Amino acid sequence: MPINQILYNNKQKLILVSIVAIVVGALISYFNYGTEPWETIGGLICGLFFGMLIIFISLKQPN
């Protein structure tokens, strides 16, 4: 089974994981405001999973 079929079959789970990771990253940034390494890590998590969320939402069924 090709990777695009696997991603499409698990699309809802991947979207849910991305949303949860964005929320976790936002909470890390919020509760550690002013402490430099954790604030950056939270922003990285939010940005990375937001990009992945856009990709997962735009997946179309493979032929």
N, C-alpha and C. Protein backbone atom coordinates (compact mmCIF):
# COMPACT_ATOMS: atom_id res chain seq x y z
N MET A 1 0.85 -1.17 0.00
CA MET A 1 0.00 0.00 0.00
C MET A 1 0.91 1.24 0.00
N PRO A 2 0.70 2.14 -0.94
CA PRO A 2 1.54 3.36 -1.01
C PRO A 2 1.27 4.31 0.16
N ILE A 3 2.24 5.17 0.42
CA ILE A 3 2.17 6.08 1.57
C ILE A 3 1.00 7.06 1.45
N ASN A 4 0.68 7.51 0.23
CA ASN A 4 -0.44 8.46 0.10
C ASN A 4 -1.77 7.81 0.45
N GLN A 5 -1.92 6.52 0.21
CA GLN A 5 -3.15 5.80 0.59
C GLN A 5 -3.22 5.66 2.11
N ILE A 6 -2.09 5.38 2.74
CA ILE A 6 -2.06 5.25 4.19
C ILE A 6 -2.41 6.59 4.85
N LEU A 7 -1.83 7.68 4.33
CA LEU A 7 -2.14 9.00 4.88
C LEU A 7 -3.61 9.34 4.71
N TYR A 8 -4.17 9.01 3.55
CA TYR A 8 -5.58 9.33 3.31
C TYR A 8 -6.49 8.50 4.21
N ASN A 9 -6.13 7.24 4.43
CA ASN A 9 -6.95 6.38 5.29
C ASN A 9 -6.95 6.86 6.74
N ASN A 10 -5.88 7.49 7.18
CA ASN A 10 -5.76 7.97 8.56
C ASN A 10 -5.89 9.49 8.66
N LYS A 11 -6.56 10.11 7.72
CA LYS A 11 -6.65 11.56 7.63
C LYS A 11 -7.27 12.18 8.88
N GLN A 12 -8.35 11.63 9.39
CA GLN A 12 -9.03 12.20 10.55
C GLN A 12 -8.15 12.12 11.80
N LYS A 13 -7.44 11.01 11.97
CA LYS A 13 -6.56 10.86 13.12
C LYS A 13 -5.40 11.84 13.05
N LEU A 14 -4.85 12.04 11.87
CA LEU A 14 -3.74 12.97 11.70
C LEU A 14 -4.17 14.41 11.95
N ILE A 15 -5.36 14.76 11.53
CA ILE A 15 -5.88 16.10 11.78
C ILE A 15 -6.08 16.31 13.28
N LEU A 16 -6.61 15.31 13.97
CA LEU A 16 -6.83 15.40 15.40
C LEU A 16 -5.50 15.53 16.16
N VAL A 17 -4.51 14.75 15.78
CA VAL A 17 -3.20 14.83 16.43
C VAL A 17 -2.58 16.20 16.19
N SER A 18 -2.74 16.75 15.00
CA SER A 18 -2.18 18.07 14.70
C SER A 18 -2.84 19.15 15.56
N ILE A 19 -4.14 19.10 15.70
CA ILE A 19 -4.86 20.09 16.51
C ILE A 19 -4.44 19.98 17.97
N VAL A 20 -4.32 18.76 18.49
CA VAL A 20 -3.90 18.57 19.88
C VAL A 20 -2.48 19.11 20.08
N ALA A 21 -1.58 18.86 19.13
CA ALA A 21 -0.21 19.34 19.25
C ALA A 21 -0.14 20.86 19.18
N ILE A 22 -0.98 21.48 18.37
CA ILE A 22 -1.03 22.95 18.31
C ILE A 22 -1.47 23.50 19.66
N VAL A 23 -2.48 22.90 20.26
CA VAL A 23 -2.96 23.36 21.57
C VAL A 23 -1.88 23.16 22.63
N VAL A 24 -1.21 22.02 22.62
CA VAL A 24 -0.13 21.77 23.59
C VAL A 24 0.99 22.79 23.42
N GLY A 25 1.37 23.08 22.18
CA GLY A 25 2.41 24.08 21.94
C GLY A 25 1.99 25.46 22.41
N ALA A 26 0.73 25.81 22.20
CA ALA A 26 0.24 27.10 22.67
C ALA A 26 0.24 27.16 24.20
N LEU A 27 -0.14 26.08 24.85
CA LEU A 27 -0.13 26.05 26.31
C LEU A 27 1.29 26.13 26.86
N ILE A 28 2.23 25.45 26.23
CA ILE A 28 3.63 25.54 26.65
C ILE A 28 4.11 26.98 26.55
N SER A 29 3.80 27.63 25.44
CA SER A 29 4.22 29.02 25.27
C SER A 29 3.53 29.94 26.27
N TYR A 30 2.27 29.71 26.53
CA TYR A 30 1.52 30.60 27.43
C TYR A 30 2.02 30.49 28.88
N PHE A 31 2.17 29.25 29.36
CA PHE A 31 2.54 29.06 30.75
C PHE A 31 4.03 29.29 31.01
N ASN A 32 4.84 29.32 29.99
CA ASN A 32 6.27 29.58 30.15
C ASN A 32 6.67 30.89 29.51
N TYR A 33 5.77 31.86 29.52
CA TYR A 33 6.05 33.17 28.93
C TYR A 33 7.20 33.84 29.67
N GLY A 34 8.21 34.23 28.91
CA GLY A 34 9.36 34.90 29.50
C GLY A 34 10.55 33.98 29.71
N THR A 35 10.34 32.69 29.71
CA THR A 35 11.47 31.75 29.82
C THR A 35 11.82 31.31 28.41
N GLU A 36 12.97 31.74 27.95
CA GLU A 36 13.30 31.70 26.53
C GLU A 36 13.29 30.31 25.88
N PRO A 37 13.94 29.29 26.39
CA PRO A 37 13.94 28.06 25.58
C PRO A 37 12.55 27.45 25.41
N TRP A 38 11.72 27.47 26.46
CA TRP A 38 10.42 26.83 26.37
C TRP A 38 9.44 27.61 25.50
N GLU A 39 9.58 28.90 25.51
CA GLU A 39 8.72 29.73 24.67
C GLU A 39 9.00 29.44 23.19
N THR A 40 10.26 29.28 22.86
CA THR A 40 10.65 28.97 21.48
C THR A 40 10.21 27.57 21.08
N ILE A 41 10.35 26.63 21.99
CA ILE A 41 9.94 25.24 21.70
C ILE A 41 8.43 25.18 21.46
N GLY A 42 7.65 25.89 22.28
CA GLY A 42 6.20 25.93 22.08
C GLY A 42 5.82 26.54 20.75
N GLY A 43 6.52 27.60 20.35
CA GLY A 43 6.25 28.22 19.04
C GLY A 43 6.63 27.30 17.90
N LEU A 44 7.71 26.56 18.06
CA LEU A 44 8.13 25.60 17.02
C LEU A 44 7.09 24.50 16.86
N ILE A 45 6.59 23.99 17.96
CA ILE A 45 5.57 22.93 17.91
C ILE A 45 4.31 23.45 17.22
N CYS A 46 3.87 24.65 17.60
CA CYS A 46 2.68 25.24 16.98
C CYS A 46 2.87 25.42 15.47
N GLY A 47 3.98 25.99 15.08
CA GLY A 47 4.22 26.26 13.67
C GLY A 47 4.37 24.99 12.84
N LEU A 48 5.08 24.01 13.37
CA LEU A 48 5.29 22.76 12.64
C LEU A 48 3.97 22.02 12.42
N PHE A 49 3.20 21.89 13.47
CA PHE A 49 1.95 21.14 13.34
C PHE A 49 0.86 21.93 12.63
N PHE A 50 0.93 23.26 12.63
CA PHE A 50 -0.01 24.04 11.84
C PHE A 50 0.23 23.79 10.36
N GLY A 51 1.49 23.75 9.95
CA GLY A 51 1.81 23.42 8.56
C GLY A 51 1.36 22.03 8.18
N MET A 52 1.56 21.08 9.10
CA MET A 52 1.12 19.71 8.84
C MET A 52 -0.41 19.63 8.77
N LEU A 53 -1.09 20.42 9.60
CA LEU A 53 -2.56 20.44 9.58
C LEU A 53 -3.07 20.90 8.22
N ILE A 54 -2.46 21.92 7.67
CA ILE A 54 -2.87 22.40 6.35
C ILE A 54 -2.67 21.32 5.30
N ILE A 55 -1.56 20.61 5.38
CA ILE A 55 -1.29 19.52 4.43
C ILE A 55 -2.32 18.41 4.59
N PHE A 56 -2.60 18.02 5.83
CA PHE A 56 -3.54 16.93 6.06
C PHE A 56 -4.97 17.29 5.64
N ILE A 57 -5.37 18.54 5.83
CA ILE A 57 -6.71 18.96 5.42
C ILE A 57 -6.83 18.93 3.90
N SER A 58 -5.75 19.24 3.18
CA SER A 58 -5.82 19.32 1.73
C SER A 58 -5.59 17.98 1.03
N LEU A 59 -5.45 16.89 1.78
CA LEU A 59 -5.26 15.58 1.14
C LEU A 59 -6.50 15.19 0.34
N LYS A 60 -6.26 14.70 -0.84
CA LYS A 60 -7.35 14.20 -1.67
C LYS A 60 -7.17 12.69 -1.86
N GLN A 61 -8.25 12.03 -2.17
CA GLN A 61 -8.20 10.58 -2.33
C GLN A 61 -7.32 10.23 -3.53
N PRO A 62 -6.34 9.32 -3.33
CA PRO A 62 -5.50 8.91 -4.45
C PRO A 62 -6.28 8.07 -5.47
N ASN A 63 -5.80 8.08 -6.67
CA ASN A 63 -6.50 7.34 -7.75
C ASN A 63 -6.29 5.85 -7.63
